[in-house]
C-alpha atoms as a PDB file:
ATOM      1  CA  UNK A   1       0.018   0.002  -0.033  1.00  0.00           C
ATOM      2  CA  UNK A   2       1.254   3.457  -0.836  1.00  0.00           C
ATOM      3  CA  UNK A   3       1.256   5.932   2.005  1.00  0.00           C
ATOM      4  CA  UNK A   4       2.085   9.544   1.768  1.00  0.00           C
ATOM      5  CA  UNK A   5       3.030  11.846   4.641  1.00  0.00           C
ATOM      6  CA  UNK A   6       1.075  15.066   4.763  1.00  0.00           C
ATOM      7  CA  UNK A   7       3.286  17.915   5.934  1.00  0.00           C
ATOM      8  CA  UNK A   8       2.165  21.264   4.476  1.00  0.00           C
ATOM      9  CA  UNK A   9       5.121  23.660   4.084  1.00  0.00           C
ATOM     10  CA  UNK A  10       3.306  26.448   5.969  1.00  0.00           C
ATOM     11  CA  UNK A  11       2.737  24.389   9.062  1.00  0.00           C
ATOM     12  CA  UNK A  12       5.539  23.678  11.625  1.00  0.00           C
ATOM     13  CA  UNK A  13       6.961  20.225  11.443  1.00  0.00           C
ATOM     14  CA  UNK A  14       5.727  18.433  14.512  1.00  0.00           C
ATOM     15  CA  UNK A  15       8.916  16.279  14.637  1.00  0.00           C
ATOM     16  CA  UNK A  16       7.597  13.317  16.632  1.00  0.00           C
ATOM     17  CA  UNK A  17       4.474  12.750  14.584  1.00  0.00           C
ATOM     18  CA  UNK A  18       2.892  13.756  11.220  1.00  0.00           C
ATOM     19  CA  UNK A  19       0.057  16.174  10.552  1.00  0.00           C
ATOM     20  CA  UNK A  20      -1.497  13.507   8.447  1.00  0.00           C
ATOM     21  CA  UNK A  21      -1.200  10.539   6.222  1.00  0.00           C
ATOM     22  CA  UNK A  22      -2.881   9.407   2.991  1.00  0.00           C
ATOM     23  CA  UNK A  23      -3.121   5.665   2.690  1.00  0.00           C
ATOM     24  CA  UNK A  24      -4.814   4.699  -0.538  1.00  0.00           C
ATOM     25  CA  UNK A  25      -8.045   6.753  -0.685  1.00  0.00           C
ATOM     26  CA  UNK A  26      -8.155   7.352   3.066  1.00  0.00           C
ATOM     27  CA  UNK A  27      -6.766  10.352   4.908  1.00  0.00           C
ATOM     28  CA  UNK A  28      -5.855  10.338   8.558  1.00  0.00           C
ATOM     29  CA  UNK A  29      -5.338  13.668  10.317  1.00  0.00           C
ATOM     30  CA  UNK A  30      -3.544  14.286  13.607  1.00  0.00           C
ATOM     31  CA  UNK A  31      -5.116  16.609  16.098  1.00  0.00           C
ATOM     32  CA  UNK A  32      -4.684  20.334  15.644  1.00  0.00           C
ATOM     33  CA  UNK A  33      -4.235  22.780  18.514  1.00  0.00           C
ATOM     34  CA  UNK A  34      -5.619  26.355  18.327  1.00  0.00           C
ATOM     35  CA  UNK A  35      -2.375  28.074  19.017  1.00  0.00           C
ATOM     36  CA  UNK A  36      -1.010  30.865  16.809  1.00  0.00           C
ATOM     37  CA  UNK A  37       2.217  30.787  14.789  1.00  0.00           C
ATOM     38  CA  UNK A  38       4.168  32.047  17.864  1.00  0.00           C
ATOM     39  CA  UNK A  39       2.860  29.089  19.869  1.00  0.00           C
ATOM     40  CA  UNK A  40       0.631  31.120  22.091  1.00  0.00           C
ATOM     41  CA  UNK A  41      -3.085  30.531  22.708  1.00  0.00           C
ATOM     42  CA  UNK A  42      -5.673  33.218  22.691  1.00  0.00           C
ATOM     43  CA  UNK A  43      -7.977  33.138  25.692  1.00  0.00           C
ATOM     44  CA  UNK A  44     -10.887  33.246  23.197  1.00  0.00           C
ATOM     45  CA  UNK A  45     -12.138  29.734  22.319  1.00  0.00           C
ATOM     46  CA  UNK A  46     -13.480  31.021  19.021  1.00  0.00           C
ATOM     47  CA  UNK A  47     -10.068  32.147  17.826  1.00  0.00           C
ATOM     48  CA  UNK A  48      -8.491  28.836  19.058  1.00  0.00           C
ATOM     49  CA  UNK A  49     -11.189  26.836  17.230  1.00  0.00           C
ATOM     50  CA  UNK A  50     -10.736  28.891  14.036  1.00  0.00           C
ATOM     51  CA  UNK A  51      -6.986  28.413  14.081  1.00  0.00           C
ATOM     52  CA  UNK A  52      -7.391  24.601  14.643  1.00  0.00           C
ATOM     53  CA  UNK A  53      -9.885  24.202  11.736  1.00  0.00           C
ATOM     54  CA  UNK A  54      -7.708  26.317   9.495  1.00  0.00           C
ATOM     55  CA  UNK A  55      -4.724  23.988  10.262  1.00  0.00           C
ATOM     56  CA  UNK A  56      -6.875  20.916   9.507  1.00  0.00           C
ATOM     57  CA  UNK A  57      -8.100  22.581   6.250  1.00  0.00           C
ATOM     58  CA  UNK A  58      -4.434  23.092   5.252  1.00  0.00           C
ATOM     59  CA  UNK A  59      -3.683  19.413   5.761  1.00  0.00           C
ATOM     60  CA  UNK A  60      -6.811  18.304   3.936  1.00  0.00           C
ATOM     61  CA  UNK A  61      -5.854  20.554   1.028  1.00  0.00           C
ATOM     62  CA  UNK A  62      -2.412  18.926   0.925  1.00  0.00           C
ATOM     63  CA  UNK A  63      -4.273  15.578   0.608  1.00  0.00           C
ATOM     64  CA  UNK A  64      -6.436  16.939  -2.196  1.00  0.00           C
ATOM     65  CA  UNK A  65      -9.540  17.237   0.003  1.00  0.00           C
ATOM     66  CA  UNK A  66     -11.662  19.662   2.020  1.00  0.00           C
ATOM     67  CA  UNK A  67     -12.881  19.841   5.571  1.00  0.00           C
ATOM     68  CA  UNK A  68     -16.329  18.749   4.273  1.00  0.00           C
ATOM     69  CA  UNK A  69     -14.769  15.404   3.279  1.00  0.00           C
ATOM     70  CA  UNK A  70     -14.144  14.593   6.967  1.00  0.00           C
ATOM     71  CA  UNK A  71     -16.465  11.745   8.108  1.00  0.00           C
ATOM     72  CA  UNK A  72     -15.426  11.492  11.771  1.00  0.00           C
ATOM     73  CA  UNK A  73     -14.254  14.181  14.177  1.00  0.00           C
ATOM     74  CA  UNK A  74     -13.128  13.794  17.728  1.00  0.00           C
ATOM     75  CA  UNK A  75     -12.618  16.995  19.798  1.00  0.00           C
ATOM     76  CA  UNK A  76     -10.903  17.377  23.056  1.00  0.00           C
ATOM     77  CA  UNK A  77     -11.797  20.469  25.092  1.00  0.00           C
ATOM     78  CA  UNK A  78     -10.539  21.408  28.588  1.00  0.00           C
ATOM     79  CA  UNK A  79     -13.817  23.120  29.818  1.00  0.00           C
ATOM     80  CA  UNK A  80     -17.307  22.223  28.773  1.00  0.00           C
ATOM     81  CA  UNK A  81     -18.384  25.846  29.268  1.00  0.00           C
ATOM     82  CA  UNK A  82     -16.348  26.589  26.068  1.00  0.00           C
ATOM     83  CA  UNK A  83     -18.524  24.165  24.059  1.00  0.00           C
ATOM     84  CA  UNK A  84     -20.873  26.895  22.756  1.00  0.00           C
ATOM     85  CA  UNK A  85     -18.081  29.098  21.323  1.00  0.00           C
ATOM     86  CA  UNK A  86     -16.426  26.017  19.742  1.00  0.00           C
ATOM     87  CA  UNK A  87     -19.808  25.019  18.221  1.00  0.00           C
ATOM     88  CA  UNK A  88     -20.351  28.425  16.672  1.00  0.00           C
ATOM     89  CA  UNK A  89     -17.046  28.366  14.787  1.00  0.00           C
ATOM     90  CA  UNK A  90     -17.375  24.717  13.950  1.00  0.00           C
ATOM     91  CA  UNK A  91     -20.668  25.556  12.159  1.00  0.00           C
ATOM     92  CA  UNK A  92     -18.834  28.128  10.025  1.00  0.00           C
ATOM     93  CA  UNK A  93     -16.395  25.479   8.773  1.00  0.00           C
ATOM     94  CA  UNK A  94     -18.896  22.548   8.613  1.00  0.00           C
ATOM     95  CA  UNK A  95     -22.283  24.225   7.898  1.00  0.00           C
ATOM     96  CA  UNK A  96     -23.968  21.216   6.218  1.00  0.00           C
ATOM     97  CA  UNK A  97     -23.948  17.433   6.784  1.00  0.00           C
ATOM     98  CA  UNK A  98     -21.488  17.554   9.729  1.00  0.00           C
ATOM     99  CA  UNK A  99     -19.271  14.495  10.336  1.00  0.00           C
ATOM    100  CA  UNK A 100     -19.989  11.927  12.992  1.00  0.00           C
ATOM    101  CA  UNK A 101     -18.512  13.632  16.097  1.00  0.00           C
ATOM    102  CA  UNK A 102     -17.426  13.071  19.630  1.00  0.00           C
ATOM    103  CA  UNK A 103     -16.583  15.905  22.057  1.00  0.00           C
ATOM    104  CA  UNK A 104     -14.703  15.054  25.236  1.00  0.00           C
ATOM    105  CA  UNK A 105     -13.568  17.229  28.134  1.00  0.00           C
ATOM    106  CA  UNK A 106      -9.993  16.406  29.287  1.00  0.00           C
ATOM    107  CA  UNK A 107      -7.787  17.777  32.086  1.00  0.00           C
ATOM    108  CA  UNK A 108      -5.198  19.185  29.613  1.00  0.00           C
ATOM    109  CA  UNK A 109      -3.955  19.090  26.078  1.00  0.00           C
ATOM    110  CA  UNK A 110      -0.489  18.048  25.064  1.00  0.00           C
ATOM    111  CA  UNK A 111       1.524  21.216  24.289  1.00  0.00           C
ATOM    112  CA  UNK A 112       5.147  21.961  24.265  1.00  0.00           C
ATOM    113  CA  UNK A 113       6.491  23.543  27.399  1.00  0.00           C
ATOM    114  CA  UNK A 114       7.442  27.150  26.996  1.00  0.00           C
END
């Protein structure tokens, strides 16, 4: 089986993992954090969500696809009170026929120490 690493030039190389892989006609995406190019996070969940979806869109474009081609989405969030803001932005990126989805609250997200 042919597999192709998806590493868009305009996204930082994550070093220990890949942003995504294409294996045959299937594309697998790694998670995307909502940090900016400088590595910092806005306190606004809408900005973080927008950044994360923009990163996912970039990897999908590298694979020849679009966000609307995603069929399963798993989201990790650190506070359920942020769910509404996340949902508003998600609806901008996935307005019709959204993918099967799971949203889970976690204690923390894996980020690089500063």
